[in-house]
Amino acid sequence: MKAIPKKQVRARLAAENPWWQPNHEIPPSFADLCPRPYIDLLFPLIEEEDLRRAVVLMGPRRVGKTVLIHHTIGRLLAQGISPNRICYASVDHPLYNGLGLEELLAEFSDKTGTDYRQHACYLFFDEIQYLRDWERHLKAIVDRYPNCHCVASGSAAAALRLKSHESGAGRFTDFMLPPLTFQEYMALLGETNLVTIEQSSRGFIKSVNTKDIDALNRHFVQYLNYGGYPEVAFSQDVQKDPGRFVKSDIIDKVLLRDLPSLYGVQDVQELNYLFTTLAFNTAGEVSLEELSQGSGVAKNTIKRYIEYLEAAFLVRVVHRVDRNARRFKRANFFKVYLTNPSIRTALFSPVSDDDEAMGNIVETAIFAQWFHSDVRLHYARWNRGEVDIVHLGPKQKAAWALEAKWSDRYYSRPAELSSLVKFCHSQNLSRAMVTSKTHQGVRTVDSVSLDFLPASLYCYMLGYNLVQGRNALAGLEELKSEQEDALDEE
């Protein structure tokens, strides 16, 4: 059997690195796309020279990791980095099968005349999970060649995270690229003119408004159905059958290939049934006991499956606290949220503005914006009450609380939010946030000020503040302080 000639490997590398040609440009298929704001967070990590670390770019399938890499390469070229010091390789290509990273880099050196062992180079390894023991190969490059700036990315997010933590401690920096926020979605559509913002001196959106809430909400419903993945968001053909794209190319590959190969899942049908059940009931409270009885699967197995789904960035578990914001010793009940609401549309059917599931889907969308941060949120529930979102501050006290609604009913009847008001009293909170459908303003119930903001505007503001990499909690505190000042003036 003949071995693949080295010249074929070099030819493939040249095809993947068109900036080695005289025009020194990334392909138009990438250059013509609007960069995601995450490039401003990733780029400083790649430029970092003091710490010898590789960046492991991870996230769900089809969120734009390869596009982000090429936009990063475009920025390096624009800053004057020599094209011959930039190498991109999609490791899953059959021509690279059996080659280690250093063998690929040797071909890169032969093709460009750049000695990566001596000169500062920027090395991008896409779909790196297809290289056996990739973490060992990458760690060796980081250790041996301090001038190399390495970025590894892949779609098998669970595998990348597991091996990054096991073998790359002190040598890898994980970078998460989640699905689109609502603000990103509107920016990529070119519809940010629908929203007017006021920024603080620190760059936060401190107030947000719109002159056409109905138009904004139409975009918001589209976002809930199709907005998580760029290819779905901007392709009418894909939107006609989102299940074919999202389910087959994103969900099934995770459930049928990534997780079974990584964790040795034997009964894929069990895993698929559990995920489908959780997706349909996103934002609803569940228990291991209930899930076990409904599926006939042991509770310990279900617990492991949910951990696998979290590792794959398909769901996020949110734990419960009581009326006094105390955690339960045994987490018998919890909520599971899809990391992006458009997954539900792909599995079932699109929702309309007045769909009965909209309340849970809007709540999922709000949590989906928060998943762009490291902030861990809870929900509160006790015998006669519940609060949708609670953030715990020091000493096990709630720092703030939010009730997620897709209705204007509570703006007119704020006294019906008695559970939220009681929770605020128990935590000495003078204010709380409530999302609505169209109404905006402040209502006071039993000395608690309830700040109403349409869910679409809240998601827009939240997504912007979080993606910019700033302290979103500080931004919300700043907004809270200014709202209090405005009330005092009234």
Foldseek 3Di string as FASTA:
>chain_A
DDADDLVVLLVVQCVCQVCLDPVNAQDCVLVVADADLLLVVVLVLLVDQPALAEEEEEEFPQQQPVSSVRVSSRVCVVVPDDSLQETEDACPDPSNPPPAPVNSVVSSCVNRVDDQQPAQHEYEYEQQVNDPPNLVSVQVCSVRRSSYRHYYYHNLQLVSVVCCVVRVVSHYDYDYRFFDFLQSLCVSVVNCVQKDFDADPVGAGLDIDGPCLPVLVVSVLLCLAQVRHVVRSPDPVCVVQVLVVCVPPTVCCNLVPSLCVVPVDDDSVLLVVLVLVLLVQALHKDFLVRSCVVRVDDSVVSVVSVVSCVSSQQKDKAAEAELLLHGDPDRGMTGIAGLGSNVSCSSPNRDDLPRPCVQNSLLSSLVNLVVLDPFHWHKYDDDPAIFRTFGADPPSATPAGEHEGAACVCVVVVVVNVRRVSSCVSRVHQEYEYEYNHDFDWDDDPNRIYGYHHSSRVSSSSNVCSSVVHDVVVSNVVSVVVVVVVVVVD
